[in-house]
Amino acid sequence: MTKLTIAFIKARWHAAIVDQTLVGFQADMKAAGQEVDIRVFDVPGAFEMPLLAKKLGNSGKFDAIVAAALVVDGGIYRHDFVAQAVVSGLMQAQMETGVPTYSVSLTPHNFQPTEEHEGFFTQHFVKKGAEAARAVRMIAALDLGA
C-alpha cells in the first residue's frame, strides 16, 4: 500500500466527542496496515470546514480530506440548515479540487449534554472515524490516475 497523506479537519464544538473520529480513523488505518501521514486542522465550528477543505484540496498536498463535526440544535438557529450547508460545501470543495473529501458531520435530532448522550456519541464517532478510514482506503485503491 502506498502511504497516504490525509488532512483531518475537526470542529471544536463538542471537541471531546468529535476528537474520537480521529481516534477511530487512526486505529482502523493501523489495523489495516495502511501507512498514513495525518495532518490535523482544528476549526471553530462545522461552518468553517468547507472553505478549509477547499484550500487544503487546492494545495495539492493531500490524497484525501476528512472533516468531522457534531452539529446540534442550540436553540438559536436551525442546526439542520447549518449541517446541510456544511455537507454541500464539502461536496463542492471535493468537486472543485478533485480531492476526495469525507464528511463525518453528524446532526442528531435529540442531543443533550447528558452522560448517556455524550457516551453514545463518543463511541459513535469512533465508529464513524473507522468508517471514514475504510472509505479513504477504498477510493485510494481505485487508483484512477488523478
Protein backbone atom coordinates (compact mmCIF):
# COMPACT_ATOMS: atom_id res chain seq x y z
CA MET A 1 0.00 0.00 0.00
CA THR A 2 1.16 3.48 -0.84
CA LYS A 3 1.48 5.92 2.07
CA LEU A 4 -1.45 8.34 2.13
CA THR A 5 -1.31 11.95 3.24
CA ILE A 6 -4.58 12.93 4.89
CA ALA A 7 -5.88 16.32 6.01
CA PHE A 8 -8.13 15.82 9.03
CA ILE A 9 -10.35 18.77 9.93
CA LYS A 10 -12.04 18.80 13.34
CA ALA A 11 -14.65 21.29 14.55
CA ARG A 12 -14.10 22.38 18.14
CA TRP A 13 -17.75 22.44 19.24
CA HIS A 14 -18.15 19.29 21.34
CA ALA A 15 -14.42 18.66 20.85
CA ALA A 16 -14.18 15.71 23.25
CA ILE A 17 -16.74 13.85 21.15
CA VAL A 18 -15.57 15.00 17.72
CA ASP A 19 -11.94 14.11 18.53
CA GLN A 20 -12.97 10.46 18.73
CA THR A 21 -13.36 10.47 14.96
CA LEU A 22 -9.60 10.81 14.63
CA VAL A 23 -9.08 8.04 17.21
CA GLY A 24 -11.27 5.64 15.21
CA PHE A 25 -9.67 6.73 11.91
CA GLN A 26 -6.12 6.15 13.17
CA ALA A 27 -6.97 2.81 14.76
CA ASP A 28 -8.62 1.49 11.60
CA MET A 29 -5.75 2.63 9.38
CA LYS A 30 -3.25 0.94 11.71
CA ALA A 31 -5.29 -2.28 11.87
CA ALA A 32 -5.41 -2.36 8.05
CA GLY A 33 -1.65 -1.81 7.81
CA GLN A 34 -2.15 1.45 5.92
CA GLU A 35 0.71 3.90 6.36
CA VAL A 36 -0.63 7.44 6.73
CA ASP A 37 0.63 10.93 7.38
CA ILE A 38 -2.30 12.65 9.08
CA ARG A 39 -2.19 16.41 9.40
CA VAL A 40 -4.79 17.74 11.82
CA PHE A 41 -6.51 21.10 11.42
CA ASP A 42 -8.87 22.46 14.07
CA VAL A 43 -11.60 24.96 13.18
CA PRO A 44 -14.06 26.79 15.45
CA GLY A 45 -17.16 25.02 14.14
CA ALA A 46 -18.57 22.98 11.30
CA PHE A 47 -19.37 26.02 9.18
CA GLU A 48 -15.65 26.73 8.71
CA MET A 49 -14.82 23.26 7.37
CA PRO A 50 -15.75 23.62 3.66
CA LEU A 51 -13.52 26.63 2.97
CA LEU A 52 -10.56 24.99 4.69
CA ALA A 53 -11.26 21.74 2.81
CA LYS A 54 -11.17 23.65 -0.46
CA LYS A 55 -7.90 25.40 0.43
CA LEU A 56 -6.32 22.13 1.52
CA GLY A 57 -7.55 20.39 -1.63
CA ASN A 58 -6.12 23.15 -3.82
CA SER A 59 -2.75 22.84 -2.08
CA GLY A 60 -2.05 19.56 -3.87
CA LYS A 61 -0.55 18.13 -0.67
CA PHE A 62 -3.27 15.67 0.30
CA ASP A 63 -4.63 12.39 -1.01
CA ALA A 64 -7.86 12.88 0.92
CA ILE A 65 -9.58 15.21 3.37
CA VAL A 66 -11.74 14.13 6.28
CA ALA A 67 -13.95 16.67 8.07
CA ALA A 68 -15.61 15.90 11.41
CA ALA A 69 -18.20 17.83 13.40
CA LEU A 70 -21.16 17.38 15.69
CA VAL A 71 -23.86 19.90 14.78
CA VAL A 72 -26.58 20.07 17.41
CA ASP A 73 -29.65 22.20 17.93
CA GLY A 74 -28.52 25.06 20.12
CA GLY A 75 -31.93 26.69 20.16
CA ILE A 76 -30.71 29.83 18.39
CA TYR A 77 -30.56 28.60 14.82
CA ARG A 78 -31.77 25.60 12.86
CA HIS A 79 -28.92 23.13 13.10
CA ASP A 80 -30.21 21.18 10.11
CA PHE A 81 -29.62 24.23 7.89
CA VAL A 82 -26.05 24.52 9.13
CA ALA A 83 -25.45 20.81 8.61
CA GLN A 84 -26.84 20.94 5.07
CA ALA A 85 -24.65 23.94 4.22
CA VAL A 86 -21.59 22.13 5.57
CA VAL A 87 -22.21 18.89 3.68
CA SER A 88 -22.99 20.80 0.47
CA GLY A 89 -19.86 22.92 0.92
CA LEU A 90 -17.69 19.86 1.45
CA MET A 91 -19.13 18.27 -1.68
CA GLN A 92 -18.48 21.45 -3.64
CA ALA A 93 -14.87 21.61 -2.36
CA GLN A 94 -14.37 17.98 -3.40
CA MET A 95 -15.78 18.55 -6.86
CA GLU A 96 -13.76 21.73 -7.43
CA THR A 97 -10.43 20.35 -6.20
CA GLY A 98 -10.71 16.72 -7.25
CA VAL A 99 -9.51 15.62 -3.81
CA PRO A 100 -11.79 13.06 -2.13
CA THR A 101 -13.41 14.77 0.85
CA TYR A 102 -15.22 12.76 3.50
CA SER A 103 -17.78 14.16 5.90
CA VAL A 104 -18.21 12.80 9.39
CA SER A 105 -20.58 15.63 10.23
CA LEU A 106 -23.38 14.26 12.33
CA THR A 107 -26.61 16.06 13.17
CA PRO A 108 -28.60 14.23 15.83
CA HIS A 109 -32.19 15.26 16.31
CA ASN A 110 -32.03 14.88 20.06
CA PHE A 111 -28.69 15.63 21.66
CA GLN A 112 -28.43 16.78 25.24
CA PRO A 113 -25.21 17.18 27.21
CA THR A 114 -26.04 14.22 29.43
CA GLU A 115 -23.80 11.30 30.36
CA GLU A 116 -25.92 8.94 28.27
CA HIS A 117 -25.85 11.04 25.09
CA GLU A 118 -22.20 12.02 25.44
CA GLY A 119 -21.22 8.37 25.97
CA PHE A 120 -23.25 7.20 22.99
CA PHE A 121 -21.93 9.84 20.61
CA THR A 122 -18.34 9.43 21.83
CA GLN A 123 -18.47 5.76 20.82
CA HIS A 124 -20.40 6.54 17.66
CA PHE A 125 -17.72 8.98 16.49
CA VAL A 126 -15.03 6.30 16.99
CA LYS A 127 -17.08 4.04 14.72
CA LYS A 128 -17.62 6.80 12.16
CA GLY A 129 -13.89 7.55 12.12
CA ALA A 130 -13.19 3.90 11.30
CA GLU A 131 -15.80 4.02 8.53
CA ALA A 132 -14.11 7.12 7.09
CA ALA A 133 -10.77 5.30 7.11
CA ARG A 134 -12.27 2.41 5.14
CA ALA A 135 -13.81 4.83 2.64
CA VAL A 136 -10.48 6.62 2.17
CA ARG A 137 -8.70 3.31 1.52
CA MET A 138 -11.41 2.14 -0.86
CA ILE A 139 -11.20 5.25 -3.05
CA ALA A 140 -7.38 5.37 -2.84
CA ALA A 141 -7.25 1.75 -4.06
CA LEU A 142 -9.11 2.66 -7.24
CA ASP A 143 -6.00 4.47 -8.49
CA LEU A 144 -7.76 6.42 -11.17
CA GLY A 145 -4.63 8.27 -12.17
CA ALA A 146 -6.00 11.59 -10.94
